[in-house]
Amino acid sequence: MTVQGERAATTFDVVVVGGGAVGENAADYATRAGLSAVIVEAELLGGECSYWACMPSKALLRTGHAVAAVRRLPGTTADFDPTAVLARRDSFTNNWNDENQVEWAVGAGITLVRGHGRLTGEKTVEVVGGPAGAQTLTARRAVVLCTGSVPVRPPVPGLDTVRTWTSREATSAKEIPARLGVLGGGVVGCELAQAFRRLGSEVTLVQNEPRLLPAMEPFAGERVAAALREDGIDLWLDQGLDSAAPDGDPITMHVGSATITVDELLVATGRRPNTDSVGLETVGLEPGKPLTVDDTGLVEGVEGEWLYAAGDVTGRALLTHQGKYAARIVGAVIAARSIGAELDTRPWGEHVATADHAAVPQVVFTDPEVASVGRTEAQARAAGIDVRVVDLPIAVGGSSLHADGYDGAARLVVDEGRGILAGVTFVGQDVAEMIHAATVAIVGEVPMGRLWHAVPAYPTISEVWLRLLEAYREPA
């Protein structure tokens, strides 16, 4: 059953606050186990990833990347119409209409209540601002908070006096700005800077750290920076935005001694868990802080084993796929506890999100792509792991066929004490599809000697695995 403007039942086994991809998974897995579930969502069912992040941003990037790939082959020409790119982006968001997601929820047996949900006490959620008016929902078993994250706005003088974009405005833009300023050199800043540059904008990116993608291996940020410069993006690294001011309709950015005028300014300086207004104070927790959870998703500091959280709101791994993974775990845990079943909480057990600690995959969909999983070299050393690092260019038969002048790089971070991989990073065109093999190797704790027998198909880019293992088998 789904609720639009009418009232429905007010008591469910599970009440999920937040109807993004994470909340959908939590409700779905609870429902699959025979529990009743309701999702409370104030905006579009499907959330940030479906309408303002993962899907539309990749749609904005894909055509430019495909055209660039064609141009890397001799005797080819290619071009594209930016208007068609925006239209294709709109198709992926269903023009910001969630009727398809609602149909899915109905088919899955999940109730949808429109409005803003907040805790009012143990197992109770008040919903306001929806078409059905104020109402209180009660959970028999559990409440799951999946309210995601919100953008961080840095304290830059004058920033509050100018019109700015967050990733939402950028991914839903109806026109391509002639001049775009980007503040922040993380994943969102890099991806959208390149997307809009290839769509026709003049782009200036300002990053207050010495390199792009600072959470990843240094060579990844260096190679992406080189690619952005080659595209014609004006990079200002190790330099913050000193101030901003309106200049008529355009915006003036003051960066060091330079004055840069842009038509739109994208602020991409990170995100924080969205817990300001979900009623945490009613259960003894501090609003505005991440929800600390154990590996079953149970929120710490609340008695009774009834409050769970998954996704960005926990601050563990701000990635859609990782949030969906945590939500699947939460759904299974609630179902098991509802029938008194014993939980499997061993590392990598059925009811724990072990991968959050050591096997988080991520792709930066720039050109070149960056695909990584596990720990970086610095993270592994900080964790006290006896590390051996293997670095090689991606220079194999498959890469040379893939593009003339293919210039990629790969790194293995090996836990020498255990003889297994601790981390893997690839940088290059179309390396995203290679990262799952590394994820399987890390999750499975596959010994390096056994990986030697995983023969890569020829001629594919995956042949770099053979070259990396050959290099590893040589004396250090």
Protein backbone atom coordinates (compact mmCIF):
# COMPACT_ATOMS: atom_id res chain seq x y z
CA MET A 1 0.00 0.00 0.00
CA THR A 2 1.25 3.51 -0.70
CA VAL A 3 0.11 6.75 0.86
CA GLN A 4 -0.02 10.01 -1.09
CA GLY A 5 -2.63 12.36 0.40
CA GLU A 6 -4.69 9.94 2.45
CA ARG A 7 -4.06 8.54 5.89
CA ALA A 8 -3.18 4.88 6.31
CA ALA A 9 -2.22 2.53 9.11
CA THR A 10 0.01 4.17 11.71
CA THR A 11 1.67 1.09 13.21
CA PHE A 12 4.26 -0.96 11.33
CA ASP A 13 6.98 -3.42 12.21
CA VAL A 14 9.60 -1.06 10.75
CA VAL A 15 9.51 2.68 10.21
CA VAL A 16 12.20 3.98 7.85
CA VAL A 17 12.88 7.72 7.88
CA GLY A 18 14.39 8.73 4.55
CA GLY A 19 13.42 7.30 1.17
CA GLY A 20 16.65 7.43 -0.76
CA ALA A 21 18.33 4.32 -2.11
CA VAL A 22 19.47 3.40 1.41
CA GLY A 23 16.04 3.71 2.98
CA GLU A 24 14.48 1.81 0.10
CA ASN A 25 16.87 -1.09 0.69
CA ALA A 26 16.24 -1.16 4.45
CA ALA A 27 12.48 -1.27 3.91
CA ASP A 28 12.76 -3.78 1.08
CA TYR A 29 14.85 -6.27 3.03
CA ALA A 30 12.59 -6.00 6.07
CA THR A 31 9.55 -6.56 3.86
CA ARG A 32 11.14 -9.53 2.13
CA ALA A 33 11.52 -11.13 5.55
CA GLY A 34 7.78 -10.80 6.18
CA LEU A 35 7.75 -7.59 8.21
CA SER A 36 5.57 -4.59 7.46
CA ALA A 37 7.47 -1.43 6.58
CA VAL A 38 6.76 2.22 5.91
CA ILE A 39 9.07 4.82 4.35
CA VAL A 40 8.74 8.46 5.36
CA GLU A 41 10.07 10.81 2.68
CA ALA A 42 9.64 14.57 2.30
CA GLU A 43 11.00 14.81 -1.26
CA LEU A 44 11.30 12.32 -4.11
CA LEU A 45 11.32 8.61 -3.38
CA GLY A 46 14.71 7.40 -4.58
CA GLY A 47 16.56 10.31 -3.03
CA GLU A 48 19.80 12.07 -3.84
CA CYS A 49 21.44 9.34 -5.92
CA SER A 50 18.53 8.94 -8.30
CA TYR A 51 17.76 12.61 -8.91
CA TRP A 52 20.69 14.85 -7.98
CA ALA A 53 23.87 12.81 -7.63
CA CYS A 54 25.00 9.45 -9.02
CA MET A 55 22.71 9.02 -12.00
CA PRO A 56 22.40 12.57 -13.40
CA SER A 57 26.08 13.39 -12.83
CA LYS A 58 27.21 10.30 -14.72
CA ALA A 59 24.77 11.09 -17.51
CA LEU A 60 26.35 14.54 -17.80
CA LEU A 61 29.81 12.95 -18.00
CA ARG A 62 29.19 9.97 -20.25
CA THR A 63 28.79 11.60 -23.67
CA GLY A 64 31.87 13.79 -23.32
CA HIS A 65 33.91 10.79 -22.25
CA ALA A 66 32.63 8.68 -25.14
CA VAL A 67 33.49 11.40 -27.65
CA ALA A 68 36.97 11.77 -26.13
CA ALA A 69 37.44 8.00 -26.40
CA VAL A 70 36.53 8.02 -30.08
CA ARG A 71 38.96 10.86 -30.75
CA ARG A 72 41.80 8.78 -29.27
CA LEU A 73 41.53 6.38 -32.19
CA PRO A 74 43.13 7.31 -35.55
CA GLY A 75 40.94 8.28 -38.46
CA THR A 76 37.91 9.14 -36.35
CA THR A 77 35.91 12.27 -35.71
CA ALA A 78 33.16 12.83 -33.17
CA ASP A 79 31.15 15.64 -31.67
CA PHE A 80 27.95 16.04 -29.71
CA ASP A 81 25.08 18.38 -28.90
CA PRO A 82 25.05 19.50 -25.23
CA THR A 83 21.28 19.94 -25.43
CA ALA A 84 20.94 16.23 -26.16
CA VAL A 85 23.12 15.44 -23.14
CA LEU A 86 20.79 17.43 -20.89
CA ALA A 87 17.79 15.67 -22.40
CA ARG A 88 19.37 12.26 -21.78
CA ARG A 89 20.13 13.33 -18.20
CA ASP A 90 16.47 14.26 -17.79
CA SER A 91 15.43 10.80 -18.94
CA PHE A 92 17.45 9.17 -16.17
CA THR A 93 15.75 11.32 -13.54
CA ASN A 94 12.34 10.80 -15.16
CA ASN A 95 12.20 14.60 -15.23
CA TRP A 96 12.38 14.58 -11.43
CA ASN A 97 9.21 12.59 -11.10
CA ASP A 98 9.25 9.61 -8.74
CA GLU A 99 6.17 7.75 -9.99
CA ASN A 100 8.30 4.80 -11.11
CA GLN A 101 9.91 4.53 -7.69
CA VAL A 102 6.48 4.72 -6.04
CA GLU A 103 5.24 1.91 -8.29
CA TRP A 104 8.22 -0.18 -7.19
CA ALA A 105 7.41 0.45 -3.52
CA VAL A 106 3.78 -0.53 -4.05
CA GLY A 107 4.86 -3.73 -5.76
CA ALA A 108 7.25 -4.52 -2.93
CA GLY A 109 4.51 -4.08 -0.34
CA ILE A 110 6.07 -0.98 1.22
CA THR A 111 3.91 1.90 2.43
CA LEU A 112 5.02 5.45 1.59
CA VAL A 113 4.11 8.41 3.78
CA ARG A 114 4.98 11.83 2.38
CA GLY A 115 6.35 14.40 4.80
CA HIS A 116 9.22 15.18 7.14
CA GLY A 117 9.79 12.50 9.77
CA ARG A 118 11.35 13.07 13.18
CA LEU A 119 11.68 10.96 16.29
CA THR A 120 9.47 11.91 19.23
CA GLY A 121 10.51 9.09 21.54
CA GLU A 122 11.03 5.35 21.61
CA LYS A 123 9.74 3.74 18.40
CA THR A 124 7.67 6.79 17.47
CA VAL A 125 8.05 9.08 14.47
CA GLU A 126 6.06 12.26 13.88
CA VAL A 127 5.40 13.16 10.24
CA VAL A 128 4.66 16.79 9.35
CA GLY A 129 4.40 18.80 6.17
CA GLY A 130 2.85 16.04 4.10
CA PRO A 131 -0.45 15.98 2.22
CA ALA A 132 -2.07 13.84 4.92
CA GLY A 133 -1.32 16.37 7.66
CA ALA A 134 0.51 15.69 10.91
CA GLN A 135 0.50 12.09 12.08
CA THR A 136 2.47 9.81 14.35
CA LEU A 137 3.82 6.46 13.22
CA THR A 138 4.72 3.70 15.66
CA ALA A 139 7.19 0.89 15.08
CA ARG A 140 6.66 -2.52 16.62
CA ARG A 141 10.26 -3.58 15.99
CA ALA A 142 12.53 -0.81 14.79
CA VAL A 143 13.01 2.68 13.46
CA VAL A 144 15.74 3.08 10.81
CA LEU A 145 17.21 6.53 10.13
CA CYS A 146 18.40 6.89 6.54
CA THR A 147 18.34 10.66 6.17
CA GLY A 148 21.59 10.91 4.21
CA SER A 149 23.86 13.93 4.18
CA VAL A 150 23.80 17.62 3.31
CA PRO A 151 26.42 19.88 1.71
CA VAL A 152 28.99 21.66 3.87
CA ARG A 153 29.26 25.38 3.22
CA PRO A 154 32.69 26.84 4.04
CA PRO A 155 33.04 30.17 5.92
CA VAL A 156 34.24 32.21 2.94
CA PRO A 157 33.72 35.97 3.27
CA GLY A 158 30.94 37.11 0.95
CA LEU A 159 29.86 33.62 -0.05
CA ASP A 160 26.44 34.21 1.48
CA THR A 161 25.97 37.28 -0.74
CA VAL A 162 26.21 35.44 -4.05
CA ARG A 163 24.13 32.81 -5.82
CA THR A 164 25.77 29.40 -5.47
CA TRP A 165 25.17 25.91 -6.73
CA THR A 166 25.38 22.74 -4.71
CA SER A 167 25.66 19.45 -6.56
CA ARG A 168 21.85 19.51 -6.84
CA GLU A 169 21.73 22.69 -8.90
CA ALA A 170 24.68 21.51 -11.01
CA THR A 171 23.24 18.10 -11.87
CA SER A 172 19.79 19.54 -12.61
CA ALA A 173 20.98 22.61 -14.56
CA LYS A 174 18.80 23.49 -17.54
CA GLU A 175 21.53 25.45 -19.31
CA ILE A 176 25.30 25.25 -19.58
CA PRO A 177 26.88 28.33 -17.96
CA ALA A 178 29.46 30.16 -20.03
CA ARG A 179 31.76 30.39 -17.01
CA LEU A 180 31.67 28.02 -14.03
CA GLY A 181 33.62 28.33 -10.81
CA VAL A 182 34.12 25.18 -8.74
CA LEU A 183 35.14 25.34 -5.10
CA GLY A 184 36.52 22.00 -3.97
CA GLY A 185 38.67 19.33 -5.56
CA GLY A 186 37.10 16.17 -4.23
CA VAL A 187 35.03 13.70 -6.22
CA VAL A 188 32.07 16.01 -6.89
CA GLY A 189 34.26 18.99 -7.79
CA CYS A 190 36.44 17.02 -10.19
CA GLU A 191 33.60 15.17 -11.92
CA LEU A 192 31.38 18.18 -12.43
CA ALA A 193 34.25 20.46 -13.44
CA GLN A 194 35.12 18.07 -16.26
CA ALA A 195 31.49 17.45 -17.18
CA PHE A 196 30.75 21.15 -17.65
CA ARG A 197 34.05 21.84 -19.36
CA ARG A 198 33.27 19.20 -21.97
CA LEU A 199 29.74 20.58 -22.26
CA GLY A 200 31.20 23.96 -23.18
CA SER A 201 31.79 25.96 -20.00
CA GLU A 202 34.98 27.77 -19.16
CA VAL A 203 35.82 26.25 -15.78
CA THR A 204 37.97 27.43 -12.88
CA LEU A 205 38.51 24.99 -10.01
CA VAL A 206 39.86 26.18 -6.66
CA GLN A 207 41.19 23.60 -4.18
CA ASN A 208 42.64 24.58 -0.82
CA GLU A 209 44.83 21.47 -0.65
CA PRO A 210 47.95 20.81 -2.72
CA ARG A 211 46.31 18.08 -4.79
CA LEU A 212 42.98 16.89 -6.04
CA LEU A 213 41.21 13.86 -4.56
CA PRO A 214 43.17 14.09 -1.29
CA ALA A 215 41.57 10.98 0.23
CA MET A 216 42.98 8.78 -2.55
CA GLU A 217 46.48 7.73 -3.57
CA PRO A 218 48.55 10.80 -4.52
CA PHE A 219 49.17 9.62 -8.08
CA ALA A 220 45.41 9.50 -8.68
CA GLY A 221 44.93 13.19 -7.92
CA GLU A 222 48.02 14.10 -9.93
CA ARG A 223 46.81 12.28 -13.03
CA VAL A 224 43.31 13.72 -12.79
CA ALA A 225 44.77 17.21 -12.38
CA ALA A 226 46.85 16.73 -15.52
CA ALA A 227 43.76 15.60 -17.43
CA LEU A 228 41.66 18.53 -16.25
CA ARG A 229 44.39 20.95 -17.29
CA GLU A 230 44.59 19.25 -20.69
CA ASP A 231 40.85 19.81 -21.04
CA GLY A 232 41.45 23.51 -20.46
CA ILE A 233 40.27 23.76 -16.85
CA ASP A 234 42.04 26.47 -14.86
CA LEU A 235 43.24 24.76 -11.66
CA TRP A 236 44.19 26.67 -8.53
CA LEU A 237 45.71 24.15 -6.11
CA ASP A 238 46.82 24.80 -2.55
CA GLN A 239 44.78 27.98 -2.73
CA GLY A 240 41.50 28.76 -1.04
CA LEU A 241 38.76 31.08 -2.16
CA ASP A 242 39.53 34.27 -0.24
CA SER A 243 36.19 35.94 -0.85
CA ALA A 244 33.26 36.18 -3.21
CA ALA A 245 31.07 39.09 -4.24
CA PRO A 246 28.24 39.80 -6.66
CA ASP A 247 29.23 41.63 -9.82
CA GLY A 248 25.86 42.44 -11.32
CA ASP A 249 24.52 39.03 -12.27
CA PRO A 250 27.98 37.39 -12.54
CA ILE A 251 30.00 36.42 -9.47
CA THR A 252 33.47 37.61 -8.60
CA MET A 253 35.88 35.13 -7.00
CA HIS A 254 38.97 36.49 -5.27
CA VAL A 255 41.70 33.86 -5.31
CA GLY A 256 45.04 35.13 -4.07
CA SER A 257 45.88 38.16 -6.16
CA ALA A 258 43.54 37.09 -8.97
CA THR A 259 39.98 38.20 -9.63
CA ILE A 260 37.93 35.62 -11.52
CA THR A 261 34.43 36.29 -12.85
CA VAL A 262 32.03 33.38 -13.26
CA ASP A 263 28.35 32.99 -14.06
CA GLU A 264 27.73 30.17 -11.59
CA LEU A 265 29.71 29.01 -8.54
CA LEU A 266 29.52 25.36 -7.52
CA VAL A 267 30.40 24.82 -3.85
CA ALA A 268 31.63 21.22 -3.60
CA THR A 269 33.44 21.23 -0.27
CA GLY A 270 32.08 18.04 1.22
CA ARG A 271 28.99 16.76 3.00
CA ARG A 272 27.98 16.00 6.58
CA PRO A 273 25.37 13.65 8.07
CA ASN A 274 21.84 15.06 7.97
CA THR A 275 20.80 14.78 11.62
CA ASP A 276 19.87 18.38 12.52
CA SER A 277 16.11 17.95 12.54
CA VAL A 278 15.31 14.26 12.99
CA GLY A 279 14.53 14.45 16.73
CA LEU A 280 17.71 12.95 18.11
CA GLU A 281 17.37 15.02 21.27
CA THR A 282 14.21 13.07 22.16
CA VAL A 283 16.24 9.88 22.58
CA GLY A 284 19.28 11.41 24.28
CA LEU A 285 21.47 12.01 21.22
CA GLU A 286 22.97 15.25 19.91
CA PRO A 287 21.47 16.73 16.74
CA GLY A 288 23.90 17.58 13.97
CA LYS A 289 26.29 14.75 14.80
CA PRO A 290 26.83 11.50 12.88
CA LEU A 291 24.93 8.52 14.26
CA THR A 292 27.50 6.12 15.66
CA VAL A 293 26.45 2.57 14.87
CA ASP A 294 27.92 -0.86 15.46
CA ASP A 295 28.42 -3.20 12.54
CA THR A 296 24.80 -4.40 12.74
CA GLY A 297 23.62 -0.82 12.21
CA LEU A 298 22.35 -0.43 15.78
CA VAL A 299 22.70 3.16 17.00
CA GLU A 300 24.93 3.43 20.05
CA GLY A 301 23.72 5.33 23.10
CA VAL A 302 20.06 4.30 22.78
CA GLU A 303 18.71 1.44 24.88
CA GLY A 304 16.36 -1.26 23.67
CA GLU A 305 17.77 -2.41 20.32
CA TRP A 306 15.16 -0.50 18.33
CA LEU A 307 17.00 2.43 16.67
CA TYR A 308 19.12 1.71 13.61
CA ALA A 309 20.81 3.85 10.97
CA ALA A 310 22.44 3.28 7.60
CA GLY A 311 24.15 5.29 4.90
CA ASP A 312 25.64 8.78 4.98
CA VAL A 313 23.87 9.61 8.24
CA THR A 314 26.34 7.34 10.07
CA GLY A 315 29.42 9.01 8.61
CA ARG A 316 31.00 5.61 7.91
CA ALA A 317 31.28 5.56 4.12
CA LEU A 318 29.47 8.29 2.21
CA LEU A 319 28.81 6.23 -0.91
CA THR A 320 25.47 5.04 -2.24
CA HIS A 321 26.53 1.45 -2.77
CA GLN A 322 28.03 1.22 0.70
CA GLY A 323 24.90 2.70 2.26
CA LYS A 324 22.73 0.19 0.41
CA TYR A 325 25.00 -2.60 1.69
CA ALA A 326 24.60 -1.35 5.27
CA ALA A 327 20.83 -1.12 4.76
CA ARG A 328 20.67 -4.73 3.61
CA ILE A 329 22.51 -5.73 6.77
CA VAL A 330 20.12 -3.66 8.92
CA GLY A 331 17.07 -5.23 7.27
CA ALA A 332 18.45 -8.71 7.92
CA VAL A 333 19.32 -7.88 11.54
CA ILE A 334 15.86 -6.51 12.32
CA ALA A 335 14.24 -9.56 10.72
CA ALA A 336 16.46 -11.96 12.69
CA ARG A 337 15.83 -10.19 15.99
CA SER A 338 12.09 -10.13 15.32
CA ILE A 339 11.98 -13.94 15.52
CA GLY A 340 14.61 -14.31 18.23
CA ALA A 341 17.21 -15.77 15.90
CA GLU A 342 20.87 -15.60 16.85
CA LEU A 343 22.88 -13.04 14.91
CA ASP A 344 25.98 -13.99 12.95
CA THR A 345 28.30 -11.17 14.02
CA ARG A 346 31.62 -12.79 13.16
CA PRO A 347 33.74 -10.70 10.77
CA TRP A 348 32.13 -11.03 7.35
CA GLY A 349 29.09 -12.64 8.99
CA GLU A 350 25.53 -12.36 7.69
CA HIS A 351 24.60 -9.58 10.11
CA VAL A 352 27.59 -7.24 10.14
CA ALA A 353 28.84 -4.59 7.70
CA THR A 354 32.48 -5.67 7.89
CA ALA A 355 33.29 -4.27 4.45
CA ASP A 356 32.91 -0.72 5.79
CA HIS A 357 36.28 -1.07 7.48
CA ALA A 358 38.55 -2.59 4.87
CA ALA A 359 36.87 -3.14 1.52
CA VAL A 360 35.07 0.01 0.40
CA PRO A 361 35.15 0.39 -3.41
CA GLN A 362 34.91 3.79 -5.05
CA VAL A 363 35.03 5.14 -8.59
CA VAL A 364 35.71 8.70 -9.62
CA PHE A 365 34.11 9.00 -13.05
CA THR A 366 36.51 11.52 -14.48
CA ASP A 367 38.51 10.85 -17.64
CA PRO A 368 40.77 9.12 -16.66
CA GLU A 369 38.69 7.19 -14.16
CA VAL A 370 40.00 6.45 -10.69
CA ALA A 371 38.89 3.13 -9.21
CA SER A 372 40.01 2.05 -5.77
CA VAL A 373 39.13 -0.35 -2.98
CA GLY A 374 40.55 -0.98 0.46
CA ARG A 375 43.31 1.03 2.07
CA THR A 376 45.73 3.46 0.49
CA GLU A 377 49.40 3.01 1.27
CA ALA A 378 49.24 5.78 3.89
CA GLN A 379 46.12 4.31 5.51
CA ALA A 380 47.64 0.83 5.64
CA ARG A 381 50.83 2.08 7.25
CA ALA A 382 48.84 4.16 9.75
CA ALA A 383 46.96 0.97 10.67
CA GLY A 384 50.26 -0.72 11.49
CA ILE A 385 50.21 -3.07 8.50
CA ASP A 386 53.51 -4.38 7.16
CA VAL A 387 53.11 -2.96 3.66
CA ARG A 388 54.68 -3.68 0.30
CA VAL A 389 53.63 -1.44 -2.57
CA VAL A 390 53.72 -2.45 -6.23
CA ASP A 391 53.37 0.35 -8.79
CA LEU A 392 53.17 -0.15 -12.54
CA PRO A 393 51.92 1.73 -15.58
CA ILE A 394 48.90 0.16 -17.26
CA ALA A 395 50.73 -0.79 -20.42
CA VAL A 396 49.43 -4.09 -21.76
CA GLY A 397 47.97 -5.35 -25.01
CA GLY A 398 44.44 -4.51 -23.96
CA SER A 399 45.23 -0.93 -23.02
CA SER A 400 47.14 -0.25 -26.24
CA LEU A 401 44.18 -1.52 -28.26
CA HIS A 402 41.75 0.45 -26.13
CA ALA A 403 43.24 3.84 -27.02
CA ASP A 404 46.29 5.20 -28.75
CA GLY A 405 48.56 6.68 -26.12
CA TYR A 406 46.74 4.98 -23.25
CA ASP A 407 48.41 6.27 -20.09
CA GLY A 408 47.19 4.57 -16.93
CA ALA A 409 48.67 3.52 -13.61
CA ALA A 410 48.03 0.79 -11.05
CA ARG A 411 49.03 0.19 -7.45
CA LEU A 412 48.77 -2.84 -5.20
CA VAL A 413 49.10 -2.36 -1.45
CA VAL A 414 49.99 -5.76 -0.03
CA ASP A 415 49.65 -6.82 3.60
CA GLU A 416 52.92 -8.75 3.81
CA GLY A 417 52.15 -10.19 7.23
CA ARG A 418 49.04 -11.94 5.95
CA GLY A 419 50.02 -12.31 2.30
CA ILE A 420 46.84 -10.65 1.00
CA LEU A 421 45.82 -7.41 -0.65
CA ALA A 422 45.09 -4.44 1.57
CA GLY A 423 44.27 -2.00 -1.22
CA VAL A 424 44.19 -1.51 -4.99
CA THR A 425 44.00 1.64 -7.11
CA PHE A 426 43.67 1.92 -10.89
CA VAL A 427 43.79 5.16 -12.88
CA GLY A 428 43.00 5.14 -16.58
CA GLN A 429 40.25 5.16 -19.15
CA ASP A 430 37.50 2.64 -18.37
CA VAL A 431 39.12 1.05 -15.31
CA ALA A 432 35.91 1.23 -13.27
CA GLU A 433 34.77 -2.22 -14.35
CA MET A 434 38.06 -3.70 -13.14
CA ILE A 435 37.66 -2.75 -9.50
CA HIS A 436 35.18 -5.46 -8.55
CA ALA A 437 37.84 -8.13 -9.10
CA ALA A 438 40.01 -6.33 -6.55
CA THR A 439 37.04 -6.01 -4.18
CA VAL A 440 36.42 -9.75 -4.38
CA ALA A 441 40.11 -10.45 -3.71
CA ILE A 442 40.13 -8.21 -0.63
CA VAL A 443 36.81 -9.41 0.79
CA GLY A 444 37.78 -13.02 0.13
CA GLU A 445 41.26 -12.45 1.61
CA VAL A 446 42.66 -14.34 -1.36
CA PRO A 447 46.34 -15.23 -0.82
CA MET A 448 48.74 -13.62 -3.26
CA GLY A 449 49.89 -17.09 -4.31
CA ARG A 450 46.35 -18.04 -5.25
CA LEU A 451 45.83 -14.80 -7.19
CA TRP A 452 48.72 -15.91 -9.41
CA HIS A 453 46.36 -18.56 -10.78
CA ALA A 454 43.63 -16.06 -11.68
CA VAL A 455 44.60 -15.73 -15.34
CA PRO A 456 43.43 -12.50 -17.03
CA ALA A 457 41.90 -12.77 -20.49
CA TYR A 458 44.02 -11.48 -23.37
CA PRO A 459 43.93 -8.83 -24.72
CA THR A 460 42.16 -6.90 -21.98
CA ILE A 461 43.22 -4.09 -19.67
CA SER A 462 42.87 -6.64 -16.86
CA GLU A 463 46.16 -8.14 -18.01
CA VAL A 464 47.76 -5.53 -15.76
CA TRP A 465 46.92 -7.93 -12.91
CA LEU A 466 49.45 -10.38 -14.33
CA ARG A 467 52.10 -7.68 -14.62
CA LEU A 468 51.46 -6.51 -11.05
CA LEU A 469 51.72 -10.05 -9.69
CA GLU A 470 54.89 -10.68 -11.68
CA ALA A 471 56.38 -7.54 -10.17
CA TYR A 472 55.30 -8.62 -6.70
CA ARG A 473 56.93 -12.05 -7.10
CA GLU A 474 60.26 -10.46 -7.86
CA PRO A 475 62.54 -9.87 -4.84
CA ALA A 476 61.73 -6.61 -3.07
